[in-house]
Protein backbone atom coordinates (compact mmCIF):
# COMPACT_ATOMS: atom_id res chain seq x y z
CA MET A 1 -0.16 0.03 -0.05
CA LEU A 2 1.15 3.35 -0.87
CA GLU A 3 1.22 5.79 1.97
CA LEU A 4 -0.30 9.20 1.34
CA VAL A 5 2.21 11.15 3.31
CA LEU A 6 4.97 9.43 0.89
CA LEU A 7 3.13 10.70 -2.22
CA ARG A 8 2.52 14.02 -0.57
CA THR A 9 5.95 14.33 -0.23
CA PHE A 10 6.70 13.07 -3.79
CA VAL A 11 4.23 15.61 -5.49
CA ALA A 12 5.71 18.27 -3.44
CA VAL A 13 9.40 17.64 -4.62
CA PHE A 14 8.10 17.84 -8.22
CA ASP A 15 6.10 20.90 -7.95
CA GLU A 16 8.82 22.86 -6.25
CA GLY A 17 11.57 21.75 -8.19
CA GLY A 18 13.64 20.38 -5.24
CA PHE A 19 14.05 18.76 -1.88
CA SER A 20 14.68 22.31 0.16
CA ARG A 21 11.75 24.00 -1.14
CA ALA A 22 9.59 20.96 -0.64
CA ALA A 23 10.85 20.68 2.57
CA ALA A 24 9.78 24.26 3.38
CA ARG A 25 6.31 23.60 1.86
CA LEU A 26 5.58 20.71 3.91
CA ASN A 27 7.28 21.90 7.23
CA LEU A 28 9.70 18.98 7.23
CA THR A 29 13.47 18.61 7.31
CA GLN A 30 15.27 18.29 4.14
CA SER A 31 16.68 14.72 5.37
CA ALA A 32 12.88 13.94 6.25
CA VAL A 33 11.68 14.67 2.64
CA SER A 34 14.68 12.61 1.31
CA GLY A 35 13.68 9.68 3.67
CA HIS A 36 10.13 10.00 2.31
CA LEU A 37 11.27 9.64 -1.14
CA ARG A 38 13.61 6.57 -0.45
CA ARG A 39 10.82 4.87 1.39
CA LEU A 40 8.49 5.33 -1.58
CA GLU A 41 11.02 4.11 -4.21
CA GLU A 42 11.51 0.80 -1.86
CA LYS A 43 7.83 0.38 -1.96
CA VAL A 44 7.52 0.62 -5.77
CA GLY A 45 10.99 -1.00 -6.63
CA LYS A 46 11.87 1.43 -8.96
CA PRO A 47 13.77 4.67 -9.15
CA LEU A 48 11.40 7.50 -9.32
CA LEU A 49 14.16 10.52 -9.73
CA ASN A 50 17.43 10.90 -11.29
CA ARG A 51 19.59 13.15 -8.90
CA THR A 52 22.63 15.04 -9.70
CA THR A 53 24.48 17.87 -8.05
CA ARG A 54 22.70 20.31 -10.33
CA SER A 55 19.44 18.96 -11.22
CA LEU A 56 16.42 16.67 -10.43
CA GLU A 57 14.55 14.80 -13.09
CA MET A 58 11.75 12.57 -13.20
CA THR A 59 12.25 9.00 -14.39
CA LEU A 60 9.68 7.49 -16.81
CA ASP A 61 8.30 5.48 -13.87
CA GLY A 62 8.15 8.53 -11.69
CA GLU A 63 6.06 10.40 -14.10
CA ARG A 64 3.60 7.38 -13.99
CA LEU A 65 3.46 7.37 -10.65
CA LEU A 66 2.90 11.25 -10.56
CA ALA A 67 -0.57 11.16 -12.15
CA TYR A 68 -1.70 8.48 -9.70
CA ALA A 69 -0.29 10.51 -6.55
CA ARG A 70 -2.45 13.39 -7.67
CA ALA A 71 -5.32 11.59 -8.08
CA MET A 72 -5.13 9.56 -4.90
CA LEU A 73 -4.47 12.79 -2.82
CA ALA A 74 -7.33 14.55 -4.38
CA LEU A 75 -9.58 11.58 -3.58
CA ASN A 76 -8.49 11.76 -0.10
CA ARG A 77 -9.30 15.46 -0.01
CA ASP A 78 -12.85 15.02 -1.33
CA ALA A 79 -13.45 12.00 0.96
CA LEU A 80 -12.65 13.85 3.96
CA ALA A 81 -14.58 16.89 2.93
CA ASP A 82 -17.65 14.93 2.07
CA LEU A 83 -17.49 12.77 5.46
CA ALA A 84 -16.97 15.86 7.42
CA GLN A 85 -20.05 17.70 5.84
CA SER A 86 -18.37 20.94 6.64
CA PRO A 87 -18.80 23.55 3.81
CA PHE A 88 -16.19 25.88 2.65
CA HIS A 89 -16.72 29.64 3.61
CA GLY A 90 -15.04 32.86 2.74
CA ARG A 91 -13.31 33.86 -0.42
CA VAL A 92 -9.91 33.24 -2.23
CA ARG A 93 -8.65 36.30 -4.28
CA VAL A 94 -6.29 35.07 -7.26
CA GLY A 95 -4.38 37.45 -9.39
CA LEU A 96 -3.60 36.86 -12.95
CA SER A 97 -1.30 38.33 -15.28
CA GLU A 98 -2.38 38.48 -18.84
CA ASP A 99 -0.31 35.45 -19.73
CA PHE A 100 -2.60 33.35 -17.31
CA ALA A 101 -6.03 34.89 -18.13
CA GLN A 102 -6.76 31.75 -20.08
CA VAL A 103 -9.87 29.45 -20.60
CA PRO A 104 -8.37 26.33 -19.16
CA ILE A 105 -7.25 28.01 -15.95
CA LEU A 106 -10.45 30.11 -15.65
CA ARG A 107 -12.47 26.80 -16.05
CA ALA A 108 -10.45 25.34 -13.39
CA LEU A 109 -11.03 28.48 -10.91
CA GLN A 110 -14.89 28.26 -11.80
CA ALA A 111 -14.83 24.43 -10.98
CA PHE A 112 -13.05 24.73 -7.74
CA GLY A 113 -15.44 27.51 -6.70
CA ALA A 114 -18.67 25.31 -7.87
CA ASP A 115 -17.38 22.52 -5.84
CA ARG A 116 -17.15 24.48 -2.49
CA PRO A 117 -20.63 26.50 -2.44
CA GLY A 118 -19.73 28.36 0.45
CA LEU A 119 -16.18 29.58 -0.87
CA GLN A 120 -16.09 32.79 -3.51
CA VAL A 121 -13.29 32.53 -6.06
CA GLU A 122 -12.35 36.22 -7.30
CA VAL A 123 -9.84 37.10 -9.91
CA GLN A 124 -8.08 40.24 -10.72
CA VAL A 125 -5.86 40.58 -13.87
CA GLY A 126 -2.84 42.86 -13.95
CA ILE A 127 0.81 43.70 -13.83
CA PRO A 128 2.76 40.76 -11.92
CA GLY A 129 4.52 43.40 -9.77
CA ALA A 130 1.32 44.98 -8.98
CA LEU A 131 -0.51 41.87 -7.97
CA LEU A 132 2.35 40.64 -5.85
CA SER A 133 2.42 44.05 -3.87
CA LYS A 134 -1.23 43.36 -3.17
CA MET A 135 -0.54 39.77 -2.06
CA ASN A 136 2.06 41.11 0.43
CA GLU A 137 -0.56 43.56 1.65
CA GLY A 138 -2.90 40.81 2.24
CA LYS A 139 -5.32 41.81 -0.64
CA ILE A 140 -4.75 38.84 -2.89
CA GLU A 141 -3.97 35.01 -1.82
CA LEU A 142 -2.64 33.54 -5.18
CA VAL A 143 -0.73 35.14 -7.91
CA LEU A 144 0.14 33.75 -11.32
CA GLY A 145 2.69 35.82 -13.01
CA SER A 146 6.24 36.23 -14.22
CA GLN A 147 9.55 37.44 -13.26
CA CYS A 148 12.87 38.02 -14.89
CA GLU A 149 16.08 37.50 -12.82
CA GLY A 150 13.91 37.95 -9.54
CA GLU A 151 14.33 36.01 -6.20
CA GLU A 152 13.35 32.20 -6.80
CA MET A 153 9.94 32.17 -4.83
CA GLY A 154 6.83 30.63 -5.76
CA ARG A 155 6.41 27.26 -7.81
CA LEU A 156 8.07 27.39 -11.14
CA LEU A 157 5.80 26.50 -13.94
CA TRP A 158 7.46 27.15 -17.25
CA ARG A 159 10.25 29.34 -18.65
CA GLU A 160 10.19 31.22 -21.78
CA PRO A 161 12.70 33.40 -23.64
CA LEU A 162 12.10 37.19 -23.66
CA VAL A 163 12.65 38.86 -26.98
CA TRP A 164 12.61 42.15 -28.79
CA ALA A 165 9.44 41.95 -30.94
CA TRP A 166 8.99 44.36 -34.04
CA ALA A 167 6.99 44.40 -37.31
CA ASP A 168 8.23 42.01 -39.97
CA HIS A 169 8.15 44.52 -42.68
CA THR A 170 10.20 47.04 -40.84
CA VAL A 171 14.01 47.32 -42.05
CA ASP A 172 15.93 49.58 -39.81
CA LEU A 173 15.95 50.37 -36.14
CA PRO A 174 15.32 53.99 -35.40
CA ASP A 175 17.81 55.87 -33.29
CA PRO A 176 17.02 56.46 -30.35
CA LEU A 177 15.02 53.09 -30.19
CA PRO A 178 11.18 53.63 -29.87
CA LEU A 179 10.15 51.57 -26.95
CA ALA A 180 6.58 50.13 -26.10
CA VAL A 181 6.28 48.81 -22.61
CA LEU A 182 3.77 47.98 -19.83
CA PRO A 183 3.14 50.39 -16.73
CA GLU A 184 5.20 49.81 -13.84
CA PRO A 185 6.07 47.75 -12.05
CA CYS A 186 6.54 45.29 -14.90
CA PRO A 187 9.58 42.65 -14.97
CA TYR A 188 9.79 42.89 -18.76
CA ARG A 189 9.92 46.89 -18.74
CA GLU A 190 12.69 46.97 -15.97
CA VAL A 191 14.95 44.42 -17.78
CA ALA A 192 14.67 45.81 -20.96
CA LEU A 193 15.64 49.44 -19.92
CA GLU A 194 18.40 48.15 -17.73
CA ARG A 195 19.93 46.15 -20.72
CA LEU A 196 19.55 48.85 -22.93
CA ALA A 197 21.33 51.12 -20.48
CA LYS A 198 24.26 48.70 -19.61
CA ALA A 199 24.40 48.48 -23.66
CA GLY A 200 24.84 52.18 -24.02
CA ILE A 201 21.66 51.87 -26.51
CA SER A 202 19.79 55.29 -26.38
CA GLN A 203 15.87 54.61 -26.08
CA ARG A 204 12.73 56.70 -26.13
CA THR A 205 9.64 55.23 -24.53
CA VAL A 206 7.10 56.32 -26.81
CA MET A 207 4.12 54.14 -25.92
CA ILE A 208 2.85 52.99 -22.17
CA CYS A 209 0.49 49.99 -23.07
CA ALA A 210 -2.42 48.81 -20.73
CA SER A 211 -2.44 45.28 -21.96
CA ASN A 212 -0.77 42.82 -24.08
CA ALA A 213 -3.14 43.48 -26.84
CA SER A 214 -1.95 47.19 -27.24
CA LEU A 215 1.65 46.10 -26.71
CA ARG A 216 1.44 43.90 -29.73
CA ALA A 217 -0.52 46.86 -31.84
CA ALA A 218 2.72 48.87 -31.04
CA ALA A 219 4.99 46.32 -32.34
CA ILE A 220 2.90 44.98 -35.33
CA SER A 221 2.36 48.54 -36.64
CA GLY A 222 6.28 49.42 -36.47
CA PHE A 223 5.38 52.37 -34.04
CA ALA A 224 7.80 50.85 -31.40
CA VAL A 225 9.98 47.83 -30.45
CA ALA A 226 8.59 45.81 -27.28
CA PRO A 227 10.14 43.21 -24.94
CA MET A 228 7.68 40.28 -24.82
CA ILE A 229 7.66 36.45 -24.55
CA ALA A 230 8.70 34.35 -27.67
CA SER A 231 5.24 32.69 -27.91
CA GLN A 232 3.71 36.02 -28.93
CA LEU A 233 5.66 36.49 -31.86
CA ARG A 234 3.00 35.49 -34.39
CA ASN A 235 0.63 37.40 -36.96
CA GLY A 236 3.11 39.87 -38.20
CA LEU A 237 5.53 40.21 -35.10
CA VAL A 238 9.07 38.96 -35.53
CA ARG A 239 12.21 38.96 -33.22
CA VAL A 240 14.80 41.31 -33.75
CA PRO A 241 17.72 39.68 -35.32
CA LYS A 242 20.91 39.63 -33.26
CA SER A 243 22.73 41.44 -36.05
CA TYR A 244 20.83 44.61 -35.02
CA GLY A 245 22.89 44.78 -32.05
CA LEU A 246 20.20 45.00 -29.20
CA PRO A 247 21.42 43.41 -25.99
CA GLU A 248 20.12 39.72 -24.97
CA LEU A 249 17.22 39.57 -22.83
CA PRO A 250 16.91 37.11 -20.02
CA GLU A 251 14.19 34.17 -19.91
CA ALA A 252 10.69 35.40 -18.34
CA GLU A 253 9.70 32.56 -15.18
CA PHE A 254 6.25 31.77 -14.84
CA ARG A 255 5.39 30.95 -11.42
CA LEU A 256 2.53 30.40 -8.77
CA PHE A 257 2.90 32.67 -5.89
CA ALA A 258 0.98 31.92 -2.63
CA ALA A 259 0.48 34.10 0.45
CA SER A 260 2.07 32.99 3.75
CA ASN A 261 -1.35 33.70 5.64
CA GLY A 262 -4.68 32.43 5.01
CA ASP A 263 -6.36 29.11 5.04
CA THR A 264 -3.51 27.05 3.70
CA SER A 265 -5.53 24.01 3.04
CA VAL A 266 -7.71 25.97 0.79
CA LEU A 267 -4.90 27.51 -1.08
CA GLU A 268 -2.96 24.28 -1.44
CA GLU A 269 -5.96 22.66 -2.96
CA LEU A 270 -6.51 25.64 -5.41
CA ALA A 271 -2.89 25.43 -6.14
CA GLU A 272 -3.11 21.82 -7.03
CA ALA A 273 -6.34 22.59 -9.22
CA ILE A 274 -4.19 25.67 -11.04
CA MET A 275 -1.23 23.18 -11.43
CA ASN A 276 -3.22 20.63 -13.07
CA ALA A 277 -4.79 23.28 -15.43
CA VAL A 278 -1.54 24.71 -16.87
CA PRO A 279 -0.75 22.87 -20.03
CA ARG A 280 1.19 19.69 -19.85
CA ARG A 281 3.96 20.83 -22.11
CA HIS A 282 4.65 23.71 -19.50
CA ALA A 283 3.81 22.17 -16.05
CA GLY A 284 6.99 21.72 -13.66
CA GLU A 285 9.35 22.37 -16.80
CA GLU A 286 12.60 23.31 -15.48
C-alpha cells in the first residue's frame, strides 16, 4: 500500500523543483523529505528521480506515478470533505497576469468554486509586480505571473525566452530606439530598460500600454519595439535579429505565488487545481 504522506512529499518535490523547497512547503526537514522519497522508491521497487548535483529529473516511472499520486491525494481530500460535511466559507482572491487569463485556468477556478458552495473565488488581472504587492498587503491570496532575474520564490511553471519584438516589414531600427512597454512595476519593462542602459543604447519610451493587445499593436505597426515572450511572436511579429545589436534579454519565469497567511489547506487545494490546468508541455518544466 502506498502511504499518502509519501505521495504528498513526492508531489511536493516535483512541484517545488527540489528537496529544500519541498521541505519548506511541508514543514519538514530536508532529510525527512529524502527519507520519504527513499521509502517510496523502496515500495514501488523502481527509481522515481534521477538526482545530480545540479538537477532533479523525473524518471519515466516517476512520471507515471505522479499522475496516480495526484489522483489519490485529491480523492483523499474529497472523501474527508464529504464525510466531515463542513462546507467551505469565505473567499479566495487570485491575481492573474494576462499570460494566465486563459480559458483552461479560468475553468479550473470556476470548477473549484462550484465544488465548494460556500467559497467565493475572485480574480484580478494585472501587472505581476502590482499583483505581488497586493498579495504582500493581504489583498490577494494567490498570484500567477512572471518575473525576470528575480528571487526564486513560488512554484516554477515554465520558462520562456524574452525577446525584442518588432514588425516583420520594418527594415531599420530608429535611433533612439522607440520602445513600447507595460506600466510599472513590470518585470519585462525593468529588464529591457536595464539591458539597454548597460549596452549604451539610447531609447525613447513612446508608448505605455495597458494590455498585451496594445503592446502587440505597437510592435506590429512598427511604431515601437517591445519586450515580450517568444510565444507572442505571431501574426506579423518577429524577433529583432541579433545582427541589429540589441542586448540579449533573460528568460521569463512563470510562477505560482501563494500568500503565507490565510487558509493554507484551501490555498493548497486551489494551487493543485491550477497546476493541473497548466498545459502539460509547460507544467513543472525546469
